[in-house]
């Protein structure tokens, strides 16, 4: 297994807030696939939240769910090691979106390492 770099969502020319997270997730997976990564191997993955909502409560819930948390007053990054293929990742993506809504934060998406065998 080698890490070739980081895969991140390709730039989107429209307002990202109008693009559903499922499409953003698919764009990141397409970038991974372009590097020969199927997403099934667990890897370090980061999730980004920002805004004036309740970062403290997000951190508490995320820690209880097994995430490492870090951030400042208006930004939180959650870290974990998970597979990111579509089937494995869909429930995690839904959870991130529900946490953003519950804590009145903007969920800005995710990134992970590229992993190939």
N, C-alpha and C. Protein backbone atom coordinates (compact mmCIF):
# COMPACT_ATOMS: atom_id res chain seq x y z
N UNK A 1 0.86 -1.17 0.00
CA UNK A 1 0.00 0.00 0.00
C UNK A 1 0.91 1.23 0.00
N UNK A 2 0.65 2.15 -0.90
CA UNK A 2 1.44 3.38 -0.93
C UNK A 2 0.51 4.58 -0.95
N UNK A 3 0.97 5.62 -0.34
CA UNK A 3 0.20 6.87 -0.36
C UNK A 3 0.81 7.76 -1.42
N UNK A 4 0.00 8.08 -2.42
CA UNK A 4 0.49 8.89 -3.54
C UNK A 4 0.27 10.37 -3.33
N UNK A 5 -0.53 10.75 -2.42
CA UNK A 5 -0.84 12.16 -2.21
C UNK A 5 -2.20 12.30 -1.59
N UNK A 6 -2.79 13.43 -1.75
CA UNK A 6 -4.12 13.68 -1.20
C UNK A 6 -5.10 13.88 -2.34
N UNK A 7 -6.26 13.29 -2.20
CA UNK A 7 -7.33 13.51 -3.17
C UNK A 7 -8.29 14.50 -2.56
N UNK A 8 -8.66 15.45 -3.31
CA UNK A 8 -9.60 16.44 -2.83
C UNK A 8 -10.55 16.76 -3.95
N UNK A 9 -11.70 17.19 -3.59
CA UNK A 9 -12.73 17.51 -4.56
C UNK A 9 -12.18 18.47 -5.61
N UNK A 10 -12.47 18.18 -6.86
CA UNK A 10 -12.08 19.08 -7.95
C UNK A 10 -12.86 20.38 -7.80
N UNK A 11 -12.28 21.52 -8.22
CA UNK A 11 -13.00 22.78 -8.11
C UNK A 11 -14.33 22.74 -8.86
N UNK A 12 -15.34 23.27 -8.24
CA UNK A 12 -16.67 23.34 -8.84
C UNK A 12 -16.94 24.80 -9.17
N UNK A 13 -17.43 25.05 -10.37
CA UNK A 13 -17.57 26.43 -10.82
C UNK A 13 -18.88 27.07 -10.35
N UNK A 14 -19.80 26.30 -9.79
CA UNK A 14 -21.03 26.88 -9.26
C UNK A 14 -20.88 27.03 -7.76
N UNK A 15 -21.82 27.72 -7.15
CA UNK A 15 -21.83 27.88 -5.70
C UNK A 15 -21.91 26.49 -5.08
N UNK A 16 -20.87 26.08 -4.32
CA UNK A 16 -20.83 24.75 -3.75
C UNK A 16 -22.00 24.47 -2.82
N UNK A 17 -22.57 25.49 -2.21
CA UNK A 17 -23.69 25.26 -1.31
C UNK A 17 -24.91 24.73 -2.06
N UNK A 18 -24.92 24.88 -3.39
CA UNK A 18 -26.02 24.39 -4.20
C UNK A 18 -25.78 22.98 -4.74
N UNK A 19 -24.57 22.46 -4.59
CA UNK A 19 -24.23 21.13 -5.08
C UNK A 19 -24.46 20.14 -3.94
N UNK A 20 -25.31 19.13 -4.16
CA UNK A 20 -25.57 18.16 -3.09
C UNK A 20 -24.29 17.44 -2.66
N UNK A 21 -24.21 17.12 -1.38
CA UNK A 21 -23.02 16.44 -0.87
C UNK A 21 -22.78 15.11 -1.57
N UNK A 22 -23.82 14.44 -2.00
CA UNK A 22 -23.63 13.18 -2.71
C UNK A 22 -22.82 13.39 -3.98
N UNK A 23 -23.07 14.51 -4.68
CA UNK A 23 -22.30 14.82 -5.89
C UNK A 23 -20.87 15.20 -5.55
N UNK A 24 -20.70 15.95 -4.47
CA UNK A 24 -19.34 16.30 -4.04
C UNK A 24 -18.56 15.05 -3.66
N UNK A 25 -19.22 14.15 -2.91
CA UNK A 25 -18.58 12.90 -2.51
C UNK A 25 -18.16 12.10 -3.75
N UNK A 26 -19.05 12.02 -4.73
CA UNK A 26 -18.75 11.29 -5.97
C UNK A 26 -17.56 11.92 -6.69
N UNK A 27 -17.45 13.24 -6.67
CA UNK A 27 -16.33 13.92 -7.33
C UNK A 27 -15.00 13.57 -6.65
N UNK A 28 -15.01 13.47 -5.33
CA UNK A 28 -13.78 13.09 -4.62
C UNK A 28 -13.43 11.64 -4.96
N UNK A 29 -14.43 10.76 -4.95
CA UNK A 29 -14.16 9.36 -5.30
C UNK A 29 -13.67 9.23 -6.74
N UNK A 30 -14.17 10.05 -7.65
CA UNK A 30 -13.69 10.03 -9.03
C UNK A 30 -12.22 10.43 -9.09
N UNK A 31 -11.84 11.41 -8.28
CA UNK A 31 -10.44 11.82 -8.22
C UNK A 31 -9.57 10.68 -7.67
N UNK A 32 -10.07 10.00 -6.65
CA UNK A 32 -9.34 8.84 -6.11
C UNK A 32 -9.19 7.77 -7.17
N UNK A 33 -10.28 7.46 -7.88
CA UNK A 33 -10.25 6.43 -8.91
C UNK A 33 -9.25 6.77 -10.01
N UNK A 34 -9.13 8.05 -10.34
CA UNK A 34 -8.18 8.47 -11.36
C UNK A 34 -6.74 8.16 -10.96
N UNK A 35 -6.53 7.97 -9.65
CA UNK A 35 -5.20 7.61 -9.14
C UNK A 35 -5.11 6.11 -8.82
N UNK A 36 -6.11 5.34 -9.24
CA UNK A 36 -6.09 3.90 -9.01
C UNK A 36 -6.56 3.47 -7.64
N UNK A 37 -7.33 4.32 -6.97
CA UNK A 37 -7.79 4.05 -5.61
C UNK A 37 -9.29 3.75 -5.62
N UNK A 38 -9.68 2.55 -5.18
CA UNK A 38 -11.09 2.16 -5.15
C UNK A 38 -11.83 2.70 -3.93
N UNK A 39 -11.10 3.17 -2.93
CA UNK A 39 -11.71 3.70 -1.72
C UNK A 39 -12.02 2.67 -0.66
N UNK A 40 -11.82 1.37 -0.94
CA UNK A 40 -12.20 0.34 0.03
C UNK A 40 -11.21 0.18 1.18
N UNK A 41 -9.97 0.56 0.98
CA UNK A 41 -8.98 0.46 2.05
C UNK A 41 -9.18 1.61 3.03
N UNK A 42 -9.32 1.32 4.33
CA UNK A 42 -9.46 2.41 5.31
C UNK A 42 -8.24 3.34 5.25
N UNK A 43 -8.51 4.62 5.41
CA UNK A 43 -7.45 5.63 5.38
C UNK A 43 -7.83 6.83 6.23
N UNK A 44 -6.85 7.64 6.57
CA UNK A 44 -7.05 8.87 7.34
C UNK A 44 -7.96 9.79 6.53
N UNK A 45 -9.05 10.24 7.16
CA UNK A 45 -10.04 11.07 6.47
C UNK A 45 -10.40 12.25 7.36
N UNK A 46 -10.50 13.43 6.76
CA UNK A 46 -10.81 14.67 7.47
C UNK A 46 -12.16 15.21 7.00
N UNK A 47 -12.93 15.78 7.95
CA UNK A 47 -14.23 16.39 7.67
C UNK A 47 -14.19 17.82 8.19
N UNK A 48 -14.67 18.78 7.41
CA UNK A 48 -14.55 20.19 7.74
C UNK A 48 -15.90 20.84 8.01
N UNK A 49 -15.97 21.57 9.13
CA UNK A 49 -17.16 22.32 9.51
C UNK A 49 -16.75 23.75 9.84
N UNK A 50 -17.60 24.72 9.53
CA UNK A 50 -17.32 26.10 9.90
C UNK A 50 -18.63 26.83 10.15
N UNK A 51 -18.52 28.02 10.68
CA UNK A 51 -19.70 28.83 10.94
C UNK A 51 -19.82 29.22 12.40
N UNK A 52 -20.92 29.90 12.70
CA UNK A 52 -21.14 30.44 14.04
C UNK A 52 -21.95 29.51 14.93
N UNK A 53 -22.17 28.27 14.53
CA UNK A 53 -22.98 27.34 15.31
C UNK A 53 -22.24 26.81 16.53
N UNK A 54 -22.67 25.66 16.99
CA UNK A 54 -22.18 25.09 18.25
C UNK A 54 -21.06 24.07 18.01
N UNK A 55 -19.84 24.56 17.88
CA UNK A 55 -18.68 23.70 17.66
C UNK A 55 -18.41 22.83 18.88
N UNK A 56 -18.64 23.35 20.08
CA UNK A 56 -18.38 22.56 21.29
C UNK A 56 -19.23 21.30 21.33
N UNK A 57 -20.52 21.43 21.02
CA UNK A 57 -21.40 20.26 21.02
C UNK A 57 -21.03 19.30 19.89
N UNK A 58 -20.67 19.82 18.72
CA UNK A 58 -20.21 18.97 17.63
C UNK A 58 -19.00 18.16 18.09
N UNK A 59 -18.04 18.83 18.71
CA UNK A 59 -16.84 18.14 19.18
C UNK A 59 -17.19 17.03 20.16
N UNK A 60 -18.08 17.29 21.08
CA UNK A 60 -18.47 16.30 22.08
C UNK A 60 -19.12 15.08 21.42
N UNK A 61 -20.08 15.31 20.55
CA UNK A 61 -20.76 14.21 19.86
C UNK A 61 -19.78 13.42 18.99
N UNK A 62 -18.92 14.13 18.28
CA UNK A 62 -17.96 13.46 17.40
C UNK A 62 -16.97 12.62 18.20
N UNK A 63 -16.48 13.15 19.33
CA UNK A 63 -15.57 12.37 20.16
C UNK A 63 -16.24 11.08 20.65
N UNK A 64 -17.48 11.21 21.07
CA UNK A 64 -18.22 10.02 21.54
C UNK A 64 -18.41 9.01 20.41
N UNK A 65 -18.43 9.47 19.18
CA UNK A 65 -18.58 8.58 18.02
C UNK A 65 -17.24 8.05 17.53
N UNK A 66 -16.14 8.43 18.21
CA UNK A 66 -14.83 7.89 17.87
C UNK A 66 -13.96 8.77 17.00
N UNK A 67 -14.36 10.00 16.74
CA UNK A 67 -13.56 10.91 15.93
C UNK A 67 -12.57 11.69 16.80
N UNK A 68 -11.46 12.04 16.22
CA UNK A 68 -10.53 13.01 16.82
C UNK A 68 -11.01 14.37 16.35
N UNK A 69 -11.02 15.35 17.24
CA UNK A 69 -11.52 16.68 16.87
C UNK A 69 -10.44 17.72 17.12
N UNK A 70 -10.45 18.74 16.27
CA UNK A 70 -9.57 19.89 16.47
C UNK A 70 -10.19 21.09 15.80
N UNK A 71 -9.75 22.27 16.18
CA UNK A 71 -10.27 23.47 15.54
C UNK A 71 -10.23 24.67 16.43
N UNK A 72 -10.69 25.79 15.87
CA UNK A 72 -10.75 27.06 16.57
C UNK A 72 -12.22 27.41 16.80
N UNK A 73 -12.47 28.66 17.15
CA UNK A 73 -13.82 29.10 17.50
C UNK A 73 -14.84 28.90 16.39
N UNK A 74 -14.45 29.12 15.14
CA UNK A 74 -15.43 29.05 14.06
C UNK A 74 -15.13 27.97 13.02
N UNK A 75 -14.25 27.02 13.38
CA UNK A 75 -13.93 25.94 12.46
C UNK A 75 -13.60 24.67 13.26
N UNK A 76 -14.09 23.55 12.77
CA UNK A 76 -13.81 22.25 13.39
C UNK A 76 -13.42 21.27 12.31
N UNK A 77 -12.41 20.47 12.61
CA UNK A 77 -11.99 19.39 11.73
C UNK A 77 -12.14 18.09 12.52
N UNK A 78 -12.84 17.13 11.93
CA UNK A 78 -12.99 15.81 12.52
C UNK A 78 -12.09 14.85 11.75
N UNK A 79 -11.43 13.95 12.47
CA UNK A 79 -10.52 12.99 11.85
C UNK A 79 -10.89 11.57 12.25
N UNK A 80 -10.74 10.66 11.31
CA UNK A 80 -10.94 9.24 11.58
C UNK A 80 -10.26 8.43 10.49
N UNK A 81 -10.26 7.12 10.64
CA UNK A 81 -9.73 6.22 9.63
C UNK A 81 -10.87 5.33 9.18
N UNK A 82 -11.26 5.46 7.90
CA UNK A 82 -12.41 4.73 7.36
C UNK A 82 -12.20 4.45 5.88
N UNK A 83 -12.94 3.47 5.33
CA UNK A 83 -12.99 3.34 3.87
C UNK A 83 -13.89 4.44 3.31
N UNK A 84 -13.65 4.83 2.07
CA UNK A 84 -14.44 5.91 1.48
C UNK A 84 -15.15 5.51 0.19
N UNK A 85 -15.25 4.19 -0.05
CA UNK A 85 -16.03 3.74 -1.21
C UNK A 85 -17.49 4.14 -0.98
N UNK A 86 -18.27 4.20 -2.04
CA UNK A 86 -19.63 4.73 -1.97
C UNK A 86 -20.48 4.03 -0.91
N UNK A 87 -20.47 2.71 -0.88
CA UNK A 87 -21.33 1.98 0.05
C UNK A 87 -20.93 2.22 1.50
N UNK A 88 -19.64 2.23 1.79
CA UNK A 88 -19.17 2.44 3.16
C UNK A 88 -19.35 3.88 3.61
N UNK A 89 -19.18 4.82 2.67
CA UNK A 89 -19.12 6.23 3.03
C UNK A 89 -20.48 6.90 3.13
N UNK A 90 -21.49 6.39 2.44
CA UNK A 90 -22.81 7.04 2.42
C UNK A 90 -23.37 7.32 3.82
N UNK A 91 -23.33 6.36 4.77
CA UNK A 91 -23.86 6.66 6.09
C UNK A 91 -23.03 7.71 6.85
N UNK A 92 -21.73 7.73 6.61
CA UNK A 92 -20.87 8.73 7.27
C UNK A 92 -21.19 10.11 6.72
N UNK A 93 -21.34 10.22 5.42
CA UNK A 93 -21.69 11.50 4.80
C UNK A 93 -23.02 12.01 5.34
N UNK A 94 -24.00 11.11 5.44
CA UNK A 94 -25.31 11.50 5.98
C UNK A 94 -25.19 11.97 7.42
N UNK A 95 -24.35 11.30 8.20
CA UNK A 95 -24.14 11.69 9.59
C UNK A 95 -23.52 13.09 9.67
N UNK A 96 -22.53 13.38 8.83
CA UNK A 96 -21.89 14.70 8.83
C UNK A 96 -22.91 15.78 8.49
N UNK A 97 -23.75 15.51 7.51
CA UNK A 97 -24.77 16.49 7.13
C UNK A 97 -25.78 16.71 8.26
N UNK A 98 -26.15 15.64 8.95
CA UNK A 98 -27.11 15.79 10.06
C UNK A 98 -26.48 16.51 11.23
N UNK A 99 -25.19 16.26 11.50
CA UNK A 99 -24.50 17.00 12.57
C UNK A 99 -24.44 18.49 12.23
N UNK A 100 -24.14 18.80 10.99
CA UNK A 100 -24.08 20.21 10.58
C UNK A 100 -25.43 20.88 10.83
N UNK A 101 -26.50 20.22 10.46
CA UNK A 101 -27.84 20.79 10.66
C UNK A 101 -28.15 20.91 12.15
N UNK A 102 -27.84 19.88 12.92
CA UNK A 102 -28.16 19.88 14.34
C UNK A 102 -27.42 20.98 15.10
N UNK A 103 -26.17 21.26 14.71
CA UNK A 103 -25.36 22.23 15.43
C UNK A 103 -25.24 23.56 14.69
N UNK A 104 -26.08 23.75 13.68
CA UNK A 104 -26.15 24.99 12.91
C UNK A 104 -24.78 25.41 12.37
N UNK A 105 -24.13 24.46 11.70
CA UNK A 105 -22.82 24.68 11.12
C UNK A 105 -22.87 24.38 9.63
N UNK A 106 -21.89 24.85 8.91
CA UNK A 106 -21.74 24.53 7.50
C UNK A 106 -20.77 23.36 7.39
N UNK A 107 -21.20 22.28 6.76
CA UNK A 107 -20.34 21.13 6.49
C UNK A 107 -19.70 21.38 5.13
N UNK A 108 -18.37 21.54 5.13
CA UNK A 108 -17.67 21.96 3.93
C UNK A 108 -17.05 20.79 3.16
N UNK A 109 -17.33 19.56 3.58
CA UNK A 109 -16.83 18.41 2.85
C UNK A 109 -15.68 17.71 3.53
N UNK A 110 -14.96 16.90 2.75
CA UNK A 110 -13.96 16.00 3.32
C UNK A 110 -12.80 15.82 2.35
N UNK A 111 -11.73 15.23 2.89
CA UNK A 111 -10.58 14.86 2.08
C UNK A 111 -9.93 13.65 2.72
N UNK A 112 -9.13 12.95 1.93
CA UNK A 112 -8.45 11.78 2.45
C UNK A 112 -7.18 11.53 1.64
N UNK A 113 -6.37 10.61 2.17
CA UNK A 113 -5.18 10.19 1.45
C UNK A 113 -5.56 9.26 0.30
N UNK A 114 -4.78 9.28 -0.76
CA UNK A 114 -4.93 8.32 -1.84
C UNK A 114 -4.19 7.06 -1.42
N UNK A 115 -4.86 5.90 -1.51
CA UNK A 115 -4.26 4.63 -1.11
C UNK A 115 -4.43 3.63 -2.26
N UNK A 116 -3.33 3.08 -2.71
CA UNK A 116 -3.39 2.05 -3.76
C UNK A 116 -2.65 0.81 -3.26
N UNK A 117 -3.00 -0.31 -3.80
CA UNK A 117 -2.33 -1.58 -3.43
C UNK A 117 -1.36 -1.99 -4.50
